[in-house]
Amino acid sequence: MKHLQTRHYHDFSKQAANLIINQLKAKPNSTLGLATGGTPKGMYEVLRHSKGDFSQAVTFNLDEYVGLSANHPQSYRSFMEEQLFEHIDVAFSYIPNGEADDLEVECQRYEQLIKQYDGIDLQVLGLGHNGHIGFNEPGTPFSSRTHVVDLAESTRQANARFFKHYEEVPSKAVTMGIETIMEAKQIILLVYGEDKQEALERLMNGEVDENFPASILHQHPNVTLLSGGVKMPHY
């Protein structure tokens, strides 16, 4: 696992964006795996104002809430449109359909779409406080493919700031599975803020364990850990 460390959020975001821009320079028709949440917002801001060429790129988002329409202001489709897609010329962008009549069929469809593009070239991940990647909560089998997940209370509470009332926070999501994520050719793990210190220390010092999903990343051959606003733990 390669480590890149910054102090300020602007530098953190710029480094993350540059990793994506360099990927597109090396392979203009890259398939990119994208993430949502507060951590990558700065990265998307840099990309919006960059000269990166997305015209041949295809994107797959990690996850989507179950029960929210694509145009719901808190859906991840809305997030991505606002943060990136409305500002760039991307070939295709795919996000799970959380309103699908048959969610199991939707999960299978998403897996097949990724396979049609020969997998993800570069996958962006965030690190949840409990070690989740995507919405793969502690206890998720490392062998999981795209699936429907019950969100942990800690995850719902972390996302409650985006909703007017906690009761509005969805309790389920469709997410890429851990095995799906691990098949990406390259992974960028973004970790920013003092509140992620404990999770980062467990990632660096703990065992590979399904109770801390991000720990599996130690077994991937090409992971870049980009951290900011946290102290890099000794290990």
C-alpha atoms as a PDB file:
ATOM      1  CA  MET A   1       0.000   0.000   0.000  1.00  0.00           C
ATOM      2  CA  LYS A   2       1.503   3.288  -1.137  1.00  0.00           C
ATOM      3  CA  HIS A   3       1.099   6.234   1.271  1.00  0.00           C
ATOM      4  CA  LEU A   4       0.603   9.867   0.306  1.00  0.00           C
ATOM      5  CA  GLN A   5       0.039  12.300   3.152  1.00  0.00           C
ATOM      6  CA  THR A   6      -1.053  15.937   3.164  1.00  0.00           C
ATOM      7  CA  ARG A   7      -2.076  18.390   5.843  1.00  0.00           C
ATOM      8  CA  HIS A   8      -4.553  20.734   4.180  1.00  0.00           C
ATOM      9  CA  TYR A   9      -7.787  19.698   2.478  1.00  0.00           C
ATOM     10  CA  HIS A  10      -7.020  21.675  -0.683  1.00  0.00           C
ATOM     11  CA  ASP A  11      -3.736  19.814  -1.187  1.00  0.00           C
ATOM     12  CA  PHE A  12      -5.422  16.519  -0.331  1.00  0.00           C
ATOM     13  CA  SER A  13      -8.149  17.156  -2.916  1.00  0.00           C
ATOM     14  CA  LYS A  14      -5.673  18.261  -5.573  1.00  0.00           C
ATOM     15  CA  GLN A  15      -3.558  15.132  -5.138  1.00  0.00           C
ATOM     16  CA  ALA A  16      -6.640  12.914  -5.381  1.00  0.00           C
ATOM     17  CA  ALA A  17      -7.808  14.690  -8.540  1.00  0.00           C
ATOM     18  CA  ASN A  18      -4.353  14.427 -10.103  1.00  0.00           C
ATOM     19  CA  LEU A  19      -4.400  10.652  -9.672  1.00  0.00           C
ATOM     20  CA  ILE A  20      -7.594  10.519 -11.729  1.00  0.00           C
ATOM     21  CA  ILE A  21      -6.322  12.982 -14.336  1.00  0.00           C
ATOM     22  CA  ASN A  22      -3.131  10.957 -14.758  1.00  0.00           C
ATOM     23  CA  GLN A  23      -5.186   7.802 -15.199  1.00  0.00           C
ATOM     24  CA  LEU A  24      -7.178   9.476 -17.986  1.00  0.00           C
ATOM     25  CA  LYS A  25      -3.994  10.688 -19.664  1.00  0.00           C
ATOM     26  CA  ALA A  26      -2.608   7.147 -19.630  1.00  0.00           C
ATOM     27  CA  LYS A  27      -5.898   5.588 -20.739  1.00  0.00           C
ATOM     28  CA  PRO A  28      -8.527   8.063 -22.049  1.00  0.00           C
ATOM     29  CA  ASN A  29     -11.257   5.399 -22.129  1.00  0.00           C
ATOM     30  CA  SER A  30     -10.731   4.387 -18.505  1.00  0.00           C
ATOM     31  CA  THR A  31     -13.518   2.912 -16.424  1.00  0.00           C
ATOM     32  CA  LEU A  32     -13.571   4.854 -13.154  1.00  0.00           C
ATOM     33  CA  GLY A  33     -15.189   3.765  -9.894  1.00  0.00           C
ATOM     34  CA  LEU A  34     -16.411   6.808  -7.985  1.00  0.00           C
ATOM     35  CA  ALA A  35     -17.454   7.485  -4.403  1.00  0.00           C
ATOM     36  CA  THR A  36     -19.742   9.976  -2.671  1.00  0.00           C
ATOM     37  CA  GLY A  37     -19.718  11.642   0.745  1.00  0.00           C
ATOM     38  CA  GLY A  38     -17.959  14.646   2.191  1.00  0.00           C
ATOM     39  CA  THR A  39     -14.349  13.500   1.707  1.00  0.00           C
ATOM     40  CA  PRO A  40     -14.221  13.484  -2.130  1.00  0.00           C
ATOM     41  CA  LYS A  41     -16.116  16.775  -2.620  1.00  0.00           C
ATOM     42  CA  GLY A  42     -12.896  18.744  -2.893  1.00  0.00           C
ATOM     43  CA  MET A  43     -11.548  16.250  -5.409  1.00  0.00           C
ATOM     44  CA  TYR A  44     -14.616  16.740  -7.569  1.00  0.00           C
ATOM     45  CA  GLU A  45     -14.266  20.505  -7.307  1.00  0.00           C
ATOM     46  CA  VAL A  46     -10.713  20.292  -8.622  1.00  0.00           C
ATOM     47  CA  LEU A  47     -11.828  17.974 -11.427  1.00  0.00           C
ATOM     48  CA  ARG A  48     -14.626  20.364 -12.415  1.00  0.00           C
ATOM     49  CA  HIS A  49     -12.067  23.081 -13.053  1.00  0.00           C
ATOM     50  CA  SER A  50      -9.347  20.875 -14.506  1.00  0.00           C
ATOM     51  CA  LYS A  51      -8.553  20.167 -18.128  1.00  0.00           C
ATOM     52  CA  GLY A  52      -9.037  16.464 -17.579  1.00  0.00           C
ATOM     53  CA  ASP A  53     -10.694  14.817 -20.566  1.00  0.00           C
ATOM     54  CA  PHE A  54     -13.575  12.553 -19.506  1.00  0.00           C
ATOM     55  CA  SER A  55     -15.122  12.320 -22.982  1.00  0.00           C
ATOM     56  CA  GLN A  56     -14.130   8.667 -23.437  1.00  0.00           C
ATOM     57  CA  ALA A  57     -14.399   7.659 -19.779  1.00  0.00           C
ATOM     58  CA  VAL A  58     -17.085   5.534 -18.174  1.00  0.00           C
ATOM     59  CA  THR A  59     -17.929   5.803 -14.473  1.00  0.00           C
ATOM     60  CA  PHE A  60     -19.525   3.422 -11.994  1.00  0.00           C
ATOM     61  CA  ASN A  61     -20.546   4.642  -8.563  1.00  0.00           C
ATOM     62  CA  LEU A  62     -20.082   2.422  -5.557  1.00  0.00           C
ATOM     63  CA  ASP A  63     -23.596   2.605  -4.214  1.00  0.00           C
ATOM     64  CA  GLU A  64     -27.044   4.152  -4.010  1.00  0.00           C
ATOM     65  CA  TYR A  65     -29.698   4.376  -1.327  1.00  0.00           C
ATOM     66  CA  VAL A  66     -32.703   2.060  -1.627  1.00  0.00           C
ATOM     67  CA  GLY A  67     -35.977   3.930  -1.969  1.00  0.00           C
ATOM     68  CA  LEU A  68     -34.685   7.286  -3.198  1.00  0.00           C
ATOM     69  CA  SER A  69     -35.481   8.384  -6.727  1.00  0.00           C
ATOM     70  CA  ALA A  70     -32.613   9.481  -8.949  1.00  0.00           C
ATOM     71  CA  ASN A  71     -33.777  13.105  -8.707  1.00  0.00           C
ATOM     72  CA  HIS A  72     -34.151  13.074  -4.911  1.00  0.00           C
ATOM     73  CA  PRO A  73     -31.788  15.774  -3.592  1.00  0.00           C
ATOM     74  CA  GLN A  74     -30.025  13.257  -1.320  1.00  0.00           C
ATOM     75  CA  SER A  75     -29.675  10.463  -3.861  1.00  0.00           C
ATOM     76  CA  TYR A  76     -26.167   9.691  -4.963  1.00  0.00           C
ATOM     77  CA  ARG A  77     -27.203  10.312  -8.554  1.00  0.00           C
ATOM     78  CA  SER A  78     -28.107  13.889  -7.573  1.00  0.00           C
ATOM     79  CA  PHE A  79     -24.837  14.206  -5.652  1.00  0.00           C
ATOM     80  CA  MET A  80     -22.773  13.112  -8.636  1.00  0.00           C
ATOM     81  CA  GLU A  81     -24.673  15.301 -11.079  1.00  0.00           C
ATOM     82  CA  GLU A  82     -24.134  18.354  -8.880  1.00  0.00           C
ATOM     83  CA  GLN A  83     -20.543  17.602  -7.943  1.00  0.00           C
ATOM     84  CA  LEU A  84     -19.225  16.398 -11.302  1.00  0.00           C
ATOM     85  CA  PHE A  85     -21.400  15.170 -14.161  1.00  0.00           C
ATOM     86  CA  GLU A  86     -23.113  18.497 -14.907  1.00  0.00           C
ATOM     87  CA  HIS A  87     -19.683  20.066 -15.375  1.00  0.00           C
ATOM     88  CA  ILE A  88     -17.856  17.533 -17.534  1.00  0.00           C
ATOM     89  CA  ASP A  89     -18.411  15.601 -20.746  1.00  0.00           C
ATOM     90  CA  VAL A  90     -18.383  11.969 -19.643  1.00  0.00           C
ATOM     91  CA  ALA A  91     -19.169   9.130 -22.055  1.00  0.00           C
ATOM     92  CA  PHE A  92     -21.387   7.108 -19.675  1.00  0.00           C
ATOM     93  CA  SER A  93     -22.111   7.214 -15.945  1.00  0.00           C
ATOM     94  CA  TYR A  94     -23.701   4.335 -14.082  1.00  0.00           C
ATOM     95  CA  ILE A  95     -25.199   4.342 -10.582  1.00  0.00           C
ATOM     96  CA  PRO A  96     -27.290   1.531  -9.056  1.00  0.00           C
ATOM     97  CA  ASN A  97     -31.050   1.999  -9.302  1.00  0.00           C
ATOM     98  CA  GLY A  98     -32.286   2.077  -5.722  1.00  0.00           C
ATOM     99  CA  GLU A  99     -35.882   2.123  -6.943  1.00  0.00           C
ATOM    100  CA  ALA A 100     -35.655  -1.043  -9.030  1.00  0.00           C
ATOM    101  CA  ASP A 101     -38.693  -3.341  -8.757  1.00  0.00           C
ATOM    102  CA  ASP A 102     -36.370  -6.292  -8.172  1.00  0.00           C
ATOM    103  CA  LEU A 103     -33.231  -5.219  -6.337  1.00  0.00           C
ATOM    104  CA  GLU A 104     -31.543  -8.607  -6.714  1.00  0.00           C
ATOM    105  CA  VAL A 105     -31.919  -8.373 -10.479  1.00  0.00           C
ATOM    106  CA  GLU A 106     -30.556  -4.820 -10.313  1.00  0.00           C
ATOM    107  CA  CYS A 107     -27.477  -6.071  -8.461  1.00  0.00           C
ATOM    108  CA  GLN A 108     -26.867  -8.702 -11.136  1.00  0.00           C
ATOM    109  CA  ARG A 109     -27.382  -6.104 -13.875  1.00  0.00           C
ATOM    110  CA  TYR A 110     -24.798  -3.819 -12.303  1.00  0.00           C
ATOM    111  CA  GLU A 111     -22.260  -6.626 -12.077  1.00  0.00           C
ATOM    112  CA  GLN A 112     -22.776  -7.462 -15.735  1.00  0.00           C
ATOM    113  CA  LEU A 113     -22.353  -3.834 -16.767  1.00  0.00           C
ATOM    114  CA  ILE A 114     -19.008  -3.658 -14.991  1.00  0.00           C
ATOM    115  CA  LYS A 115     -17.891  -6.876 -16.693  1.00  0.00           C
ATOM    116  CA  GLN A 116     -18.907  -5.475 -20.090  1.00  0.00           C
ATOM    117  CA  TYR A 117     -16.326  -2.741 -19.585  1.00  0.00           C
ATOM    118  CA  ASP A 118     -13.673  -5.252 -18.520  1.00  0.00           C
ATOM    119  CA  GLY A 119     -13.814  -4.136 -14.891  1.00  0.00           C
ATOM    120  CA  ILE A 120     -12.841  -0.950 -13.061  1.00  0.00           C
ATOM    121  CA  ASP A 121      -9.486   0.593 -13.950  1.00  0.00           C
ATOM    122  CA  LEU A 122      -9.322   3.006 -11.012  1.00  0.00           C
ATOM    123  CA  GLN A 123     -11.606   2.795  -7.964  1.00  0.00           C
ATOM    124  CA  VAL A 124     -11.971   5.667  -5.484  1.00  0.00           C
ATOM    125  CA  LEU A 125     -12.925   4.666  -1.933  1.00  0.00           C
ATOM    126  CA  GLY A 126     -13.576   6.431   1.336  1.00  0.00           C
ATOM    127  CA  LEU A 127     -13.019   4.892   4.765  1.00  0.00           C
ATOM    128  CA  GLY A 128     -16.002   4.640   7.078  1.00  0.00           C
ATOM    129  CA  HIS A 129     -15.601   5.104  10.821  1.00  0.00           C
ATOM    130  CA  ASN A 130     -16.399   1.418  11.280  1.00  0.00           C
ATOM    131  CA  GLY A 131     -14.163   0.382   8.396  1.00  0.00           C
ATOM    132  CA  HIS A 132     -16.844   0.127   5.754  1.00  0.00           C
ATOM    133  CA  ILE A 133     -15.920   0.581   2.103  1.00  0.00           C
ATOM    134  CA  GLY A 134     -18.794   1.356  -0.209  1.00  0.00           C
ATOM    135  CA  PHE A 135     -21.688   0.390   2.028  1.00  0.00           C
ATOM    136  CA  ASN A 136     -20.105  -2.928   2.970  1.00  0.00           C
ATOM    137  CA  GLU A 137     -20.621  -2.912   6.718  1.00  0.00           C
ATOM    138  CA  PRO A 138     -18.597  -4.931   9.266  1.00  0.00           C
ATOM    139  CA  GLY A 139     -19.286  -8.625   8.855  1.00  0.00           C
ATOM    140  CA  THR A 140     -19.788  -8.442   5.088  1.00  0.00           C
ATOM    141  CA  PRO A 141     -18.084 -11.455   3.478  1.00  0.00           C
ATOM    142  CA  PHE A 142     -14.964 -10.589   1.510  1.00  0.00           C
ATOM    143  CA  SER A 143     -16.469 -12.726  -1.273  1.00  0.00           C
ATOM    144  CA  SER A 144     -19.515 -10.446  -1.665  1.00  0.00           C
ATOM    145  CA  ARG A 145     -20.596  -9.091  -5.040  1.00  0.00           C
ATOM    146  CA  THR A 146     -22.983  -6.174  -5.647  1.00  0.00           C
ATOM    147  CA  HIS A 147     -25.786  -6.628  -3.119  1.00  0.00           C
ATOM    148  CA  VAL A 148     -28.445  -4.995  -0.948  1.00  0.00           C
ATOM    149  CA  VAL A 149     -27.217  -4.078   2.524  1.00  0.00           C
ATOM    150  CA  ASP A 150     -28.828  -3.014   5.788  1.00  0.00           C
ATOM    151  CA  LEU A 151     -27.008   0.132   6.874  1.00  0.00           C
ATOM    152  CA  ALA A 152     -25.467   0.162  10.329  1.00  0.00           C
ATOM    153  CA  GLU A 153     -26.810   2.753  12.745  1.00  0.00           C
ATOM    154  CA  SER A 154     -23.381   4.386  12.893  1.00  0.00           C
ATOM    155  CA  THR A 155     -23.444   4.805   9.123  1.00  0.00           C
ATOM    156  CA  ARG A 156     -26.955   6.240   9.144  1.00  0.00           C
ATOM    157  CA  GLN A 157     -25.973   8.663  11.890  1.00  0.00           C
ATOM    158  CA  ALA A 158     -22.906   9.759   9.940  1.00  0.00           C
ATOM    159  CA  ASN A 159     -25.102  10.478   6.913  1.00  0.00           C
ATOM    160  CA  ALA A 160     -27.921  12.112   8.884  1.00  0.00           C
ATOM    161  CA  ARG A 161     -26.347  15.555   8.413  1.00  0.00           C
ATOM    162  CA  PHE A 162     -27.470  15.443   4.790  1.00  0.00           C
ATOM    163  CA  PHE A 163     -31.138  14.983   5.720  1.00  0.00           C
ATOM    164  CA  LYS A 164     -33.591  17.232   7.568  1.00  0.00           C
ATOM    165  CA  HIS A 165     -34.631  14.456   9.945  1.00  0.00           C
ATOM    166  CA  TYR A 166     -32.873  11.267  10.995  1.00  0.00           C
ATOM    167  CA  GLU A 167     -36.006   9.268  10.146  1.00  0.00           C
ATOM    168  CA  GLU A 168     -35.507  10.247   6.497  1.00  0.00           C
ATOM    169  CA  VAL A 169     -32.109   8.542   6.279  1.00  0.00           C
ATOM    170  CA  PRO A 170     -32.571   5.322   4.275  1.00  0.00           C
ATOM    171  CA  SER A 171     -31.902   2.077   6.093  1.00  0.00           C
ATOM    172  CA  LYS A 172     -30.840   0.086   3.025  1.00  0.00           C
ATOM    173  CA  ALA A 173     -28.569   0.587   0.038  1.00  0.00           C
ATOM    174  CA  VAL A 174     -27.315  -1.186  -3.054  1.00  0.00           C
ATOM    175  CA  THR A 175     -23.522  -1.394  -3.000  1.00  0.00           C
ATOM    176  CA  MET A 176     -20.707  -2.939  -4.965  1.00  0.00           C
ATOM    177  CA  GLY A 177     -19.462  -5.965  -3.061  1.00  0.00           C
ATOM    178  CA  ILE A 178     -16.010  -6.283  -1.575  1.00  0.00           C
ATOM    179  CA  GLU A 179     -14.882  -8.810  -4.172  1.00  0.00           C
ATOM    180  CA  THR A 180     -16.183  -6.491  -6.895  1.00  0.00           C
ATOM    181  CA  ILE A 181     -14.148  -3.619  -5.444  1.00  0.00           C
ATOM    182  CA  MET A 182     -11.036  -5.774  -5.086  1.00  0.00           C
ATOM    183  CA  GLU A 183     -11.154  -6.648  -8.795  1.00  0.00           C
ATOM    184  CA  ALA A 184     -10.383  -3.001  -9.660  1.00  0.00           C
ATOM    185  CA  LYS A 185      -6.957  -2.698 -11.239  1.00  0.00           C
ATOM    186  CA  GLN A 186      -6.031   0.257  -9.017  1.00  0.00           C
ATOM    187  CA  ILE A 187      -7.608   1.651  -5.827  1.00  0.00           C
ATOM    188  CA  ILE A 188      -7.326   5.075  -4.196  1.00  0.00           C
ATOM    189  CA  LEU A 189      -8.383   5.181  -0.546  1.00  0.00           C
ATOM    190  CA  LEU A 190      -9.210   8.703   0.667  1.00  0.00           C
ATOM    191  CA  VAL A 191      -9.016   9.358   4.415  1.00  0.00           C
ATOM    192  CA  TYR A 192      -9.387  12.893   5.728  1.00  0.00           C
ATOM    193  CA  GLY A 193     -10.036  14.425   9.135  1.00  0.00           C
ATOM    194  CA  GLU A 194      -9.258  13.815  12.792  1.00  0.00           C
ATOM    195  CA  ASP A 195     -12.493  11.860  13.183  1.00  0.00           C
ATOM    196  CA  LYS A 196     -10.971   9.163  10.930  1.00  0.00           C
ATOM    197  CA  GLN A 197      -7.851   8.743  13.066  1.00  0.00           C
ATOM    198  CA  GLU A 198      -9.081   5.676  14.928  1.00  0.00           C
ATOM    199  CA  ALA A 199     -10.257   3.992  11.736  1.00  0.00           C
ATOM    200  CA  LEU A 200      -6.943   4.736  10.024  1.00  0.00           C
ATOM    201  CA  GLU A 201      -4.963   3.294  12.941  1.00  0.00           C
ATOM    202  CA  ARG A 202      -7.038   0.128  12.887  1.00  0.00           C
ATOM    203  CA  LEU A 203      -6.577  -0.142   9.131  1.00  0.00           C
ATOM    204  CA  MET A 204      -2.796   0.168   9.413  1.00  0.00           C
ATOM    205  CA  ASN A 205      -2.260  -1.916  12.537  1.00  0.00           C
ATOM    206  CA  GLY A 206      -5.120  -4.402  12.636  1.00  0.00           C
ATOM    207  CA  GLU A 207      -5.523  -7.846  11.158  1.00  0.00           C
ATOM    208  CA  VAL A 208      -7.298  -8.568   7.886  1.00  0.00           C
ATOM    209  CA  ASP A 209     -10.762  -9.224   9.259  1.00  0.00           C
ATOM    210  CA  GLU A 210     -14.286  -9.133   7.837  1.00  0.00           C
ATOM    211  CA  ASN A 211     -15.304  -7.136  10.913  1.00  0.00           C
ATOM    212  CA  PHE A 212     -13.252  -4.273   9.456  1.00  0.00           C
ATOM    213  CA  PRO A 213     -13.959  -4.448   5.715  1.00  0.00           C
ATOM    214  CA  ALA A 214     -11.250  -1.988   4.605  1.00  0.00           C
ATOM    215  CA  SER A 215      -8.583  -4.335   5.991  1.00  0.00           C
ATOM    216  CA  ILE A 216      -8.901  -6.470   2.845  1.00  0.00           C
ATOM    217  CA  LEU A 217      -7.168  -3.674   0.919  1.00  0.00           C
ATOM    218  CA  HIS A 218      -3.844  -4.930   2.287  1.00  0.00           C
ATOM    219  CA  GLN A 219      -4.272  -7.883  -0.068  1.00  0.00           C
ATOM    220  CA  HIS A 220      -4.695  -5.723  -3.184  1.00  0.00           C
ATOM    221  CA  PRO A 221      -1.514  -5.216  -5.265  1.00  0.00           C
ATOM    222  CA  ASN A 222      -2.109  -1.573  -6.227  1.00  0.00           C
ATOM    223  CA  VAL A 223      -3.598   0.635  -3.489  1.00  0.00           C
ATOM    224  CA  THR A 224      -2.721   4.280  -2.881  1.00  0.00           C
ATOM    225  CA  LEU A 225      -3.713   5.576   0.561  1.00  0.00           C
ATOM    226  CA  LEU A 226      -4.111   9.349   0.523  1.00  0.00           C
ATOM    227  CA  SER A 227      -4.580  10.830   3.986  1.00  0.00           C
ATOM    228  CA  GLY A 228      -4.971  14.381   5.209  1.00  0.00           C
ATOM    229  CA  GLY A 229      -5.683  16.065   8.500  1.00  0.00           C
ATOM    230  CA  VAL A 230      -4.746  12.872  10.353  1.00  0.00           C
ATOM    231  CA  LYS A 231      -1.486  11.557  11.750  1.00  0.00           C
ATOM    232  CA  MET A 232      -0.100   8.566   9.924  1.00  0.00           C
ATOM    233  CA  PRO A 233       0.087   5.806  12.557  1.00  0.00           C
ATOM    234  CA  HIS A 234       3.214   3.734  13.061  1.00  0.00           C
ATOM    235  CA  TYR A 235       2.897   0.064  12.163  1.00  0.00           C
END
